[in-house]
Amino acid sequence: MVAIVTRYHGPTNTRGARYSARADGRVVYVGIDHALDEEGNHRRAAVKLCRLGVWDEDRFFGGSVRDGEWAWVPVFTYELEQRQQKKVEV
């Protein structure tokens, strides 16, 4: 099982503030969406990483683990577990 870790990166002299998401050796960055709150921006980064194939679904639960960093884990349902089990059996 892999968790996605998202992090806030403040602005520098050459880049604006952004969020990163990393898991399974992959990293993505997204700019800040000012229409979203902190959790929304962290979730947005995690969803972008999910779409690169970290998880099949982008349904997950997350929370702050330390200052500026969040961890996300998948929320599995019985139906999703059955689909994944069928993939393994084939």
C-alpha atoms as a PDB file:
ATOM      1  CA  MET A   1       0.000   0.000   0.000  1.00  0.00           C
ATOM      2  CA  VAL A   2       1.293   3.424  -0.942  1.00  0.00           C
ATOM      3  CA  ALA A   3       0.316   6.748   0.619  1.00  0.00           C
ATOM      4  CA  ILE A   4       0.431  10.018  -1.260  1.00  0.00           C
ATOM      5  CA  VAL A   5       2.215  12.835   0.574  1.00  0.00           C
ATOM      6  CA  THR A   6       1.376  16.396  -0.454  1.00  0.00           C
ATOM      7  CA  ARG A   7       3.328  19.446   0.583  1.00  0.00           C
ATOM      8  CA  TYR A   8       3.066  23.216   0.336  1.00  0.00           C
ATOM      9  CA  HIS A   9       6.067  25.014  -1.168  1.00  0.00           C
ATOM     10  CA  GLY A  10       6.275  28.742  -0.595  1.00  0.00           C
ATOM     11  CA  PRO A  11       7.275  31.197  -3.327  1.00  0.00           C
ATOM     12  CA  THR A  12      10.905  31.719  -4.308  1.00  0.00           C
ATOM     13  CA  ASN A  13      12.627  34.350  -6.430  1.00  0.00           C
ATOM     14  CA  THR A  14      11.939  32.296  -9.571  1.00  0.00           C
ATOM     15  CA  ARG A  15       8.728  30.332  -8.833  1.00  0.00           C
ATOM     16  CA  GLY A  16       5.393  31.061  -7.287  1.00  0.00           C
ATOM     17  CA  ALA A  17       3.918  29.105  -4.401  1.00  0.00           C
ATOM     18  CA  ARG A  18       2.804  25.590  -5.321  1.00  0.00           C
ATOM     19  CA  TYR A  19       1.851  22.183  -3.982  1.00  0.00           C
ATOM     20  CA  SER A  20       3.578  18.886  -4.673  1.00  0.00           C
ATOM     21  CA  ALA A  21       2.344  15.323  -4.425  1.00  0.00           C
ATOM     22  CA  ARG A  22       4.683  12.360  -4.260  1.00  0.00           C
ATOM     23  CA  ALA A  23       4.279   8.609  -4.051  1.00  0.00           C
ATOM     24  CA  ASP A  24       5.791   5.502  -5.571  1.00  0.00           C
ATOM     25  CA  GLY A  25       8.778   7.433  -6.967  1.00  0.00           C
ATOM     26  CA  ARG A  26       6.623  10.000  -8.785  1.00  0.00           C
ATOM     27  CA  VAL A  27       6.252  13.710  -8.089  1.00  0.00           C
ATOM     28  CA  VAL A  28       3.860  16.286  -9.552  1.00  0.00           C
ATOM     29  CA  TYR A  29       3.448  20.000  -8.889  1.00  0.00           C
ATOM     30  CA  VAL A  30       0.357  22.188  -9.146  1.00  0.00           C
ATOM     31  CA  GLY A  31       0.020  25.914  -8.777  1.00  0.00           C
ATOM     32  CA  ILE A  32      -2.244  27.351  -6.111  1.00  0.00           C
ATOM     33  CA  ASP A  33      -5.943  27.639  -6.912  1.00  0.00           C
ATOM     34  CA  HIS A  34      -7.009  30.631  -4.815  1.00  0.00           C
ATOM     35  CA  ALA A  35     -10.651  29.560  -5.023  1.00  0.00           C
ATOM     36  CA  LEU A  36      -9.796  26.501  -2.884  1.00  0.00           C
ATOM     37  CA  ASP A  37      -8.810  26.261   0.764  1.00  0.00           C
ATOM     38  CA  GLU A  38      -5.644  24.517   1.988  1.00  0.00           C
ATOM     39  CA  GLU A  39      -7.214  21.053   2.006  1.00  0.00           C
ATOM     40  CA  GLY A  40      -8.648  21.580  -1.480  1.00  0.00           C
ATOM     41  CA  ASN A  41      -5.248  22.479  -2.899  1.00  0.00           C
ATOM     42  CA  HIS A  42      -3.594  19.482  -1.248  1.00  0.00           C
ATOM     43  CA  ARG A  43      -6.364  17.230  -2.590  1.00  0.00           C
ATOM     44  CA  ARG A  44      -5.965  18.723  -6.070  1.00  0.00           C
ATOM     45  CA  ALA A  45      -2.277  17.776  -6.104  1.00  0.00           C
ATOM     46  CA  ALA A  46      -3.110  14.247  -4.904  1.00  0.00           C
ATOM     47  CA  VAL A  47      -5.762  13.831  -7.622  1.00  0.00           C
ATOM     48  CA  LYS A  48      -3.262  14.885 -10.294  1.00  0.00           C
ATOM     49  CA  LEU A  49      -0.856  12.212  -9.085  1.00  0.00           C
ATOM     50  CA  CYS A  50      -3.646   9.601  -9.042  1.00  0.00           C
ATOM     51  CA  ARG A  51      -4.361  10.327 -12.685  1.00  0.00           C
ATOM     52  CA  LEU A  52      -0.754   9.364 -13.482  1.00  0.00           C
ATOM     53  CA  GLY A  53      -1.493   5.850 -12.295  1.00  0.00           C
ATOM     54  CA  VAL A  54      -0.599   5.750  -8.600  1.00  0.00           C
ATOM     55  CA  TRP A  55      -4.121   4.505  -7.807  1.00  0.00           C
ATOM     56  CA  ASP A  56      -6.970   3.414 -10.055  1.00  0.00           C
ATOM     57  CA  GLU A  57      -9.442   5.583  -8.202  1.00  0.00           C
ATOM     58  CA  ASP A  58      -9.125   9.088  -6.844  1.00  0.00           C
ATOM     59  CA  ARG A  59     -11.191   8.403  -3.737  1.00  0.00           C
ATOM     60  CA  PHE A  60      -9.050   8.876  -0.680  1.00  0.00           C
ATOM     61  CA  PHE A  61      -8.939  10.264   2.835  1.00  0.00           C
ATOM     62  CA  GLY A  62      -6.248  12.597   4.075  1.00  0.00           C
ATOM     63  CA  GLY A  63      -5.152  14.843   6.834  1.00  0.00           C
ATOM     64  CA  SER A  64      -2.343  17.046   8.037  1.00  0.00           C
ATOM     65  CA  VAL A  65       0.623  15.101   9.382  1.00  0.00           C
ATOM     66  CA  ARG A  66       2.969  18.030  10.045  1.00  0.00           C
ATOM     67  CA  ASP A  67       3.314  21.684   9.168  1.00  0.00           C
ATOM     68  CA  GLY A  68       2.538  22.104   5.462  1.00  0.00           C
ATOM     69  CA  GLU A  69       2.418  18.368   4.731  1.00  0.00           C
ATOM     70  CA  TRP A  70      -0.573  16.056   4.293  1.00  0.00           C
ATOM     71  CA  ALA A  71      -0.847  12.285   3.793  1.00  0.00           C
ATOM     72  CA  TRP A  72      -3.562  10.601   1.721  1.00  0.00           C
ATOM     73  CA  VAL A  73      -4.605   6.943   1.735  1.00  0.00           C
ATOM     74  CA  PRO A  74      -7.099   5.230  -0.575  1.00  0.00           C
ATOM     75  CA  VAL A  75     -10.664   4.556   0.530  1.00  0.00           C
ATOM     76  CA  PHE A  76     -11.556   1.110  -0.705  1.00  0.00           C
ATOM     77  CA  THR A  77     -15.061  -0.204  -0.986  1.00  0.00           C
ATOM     78  CA  TYR A  78     -16.022  -3.827  -1.216  1.00  0.00           C
ATOM     79  CA  GLU A  79     -16.831  -3.390  -4.929  1.00  0.00           C
ATOM     80  CA  LEU A  80     -13.435  -1.839  -5.659  1.00  0.00           C
ATOM     81  CA  GLU A  81     -11.635  -4.614  -3.773  1.00  0.00           C
ATOM     82  CA  GLN A  82     -13.501  -7.214  -5.833  1.00  0.00           C
ATOM     83  CA  ARG A  83     -12.469  -5.532  -9.104  1.00  0.00           C
ATOM     84  CA  GLN A  84      -8.838  -5.433  -8.010  1.00  0.00           C
ATOM     85  CA  GLN A  85      -8.936  -9.063  -6.947  1.00  0.00           C
ATOM     86  CA  LYS A  86     -10.285 -10.047 -10.384  1.00  0.00           C
ATOM     87  CA  LYS A  87      -7.406  -8.186 -12.034  1.00  0.00           C
ATOM     88  CA  VAL A  88      -4.921 -10.238 -10.033  1.00  0.00           C
ATOM     89  CA  GLU A  89      -6.625 -13.545 -10.848  1.00  0.00           C
ATOM     90  CA  VAL A  90      -6.485 -13.020 -14.620  1.00  0.00           C
END
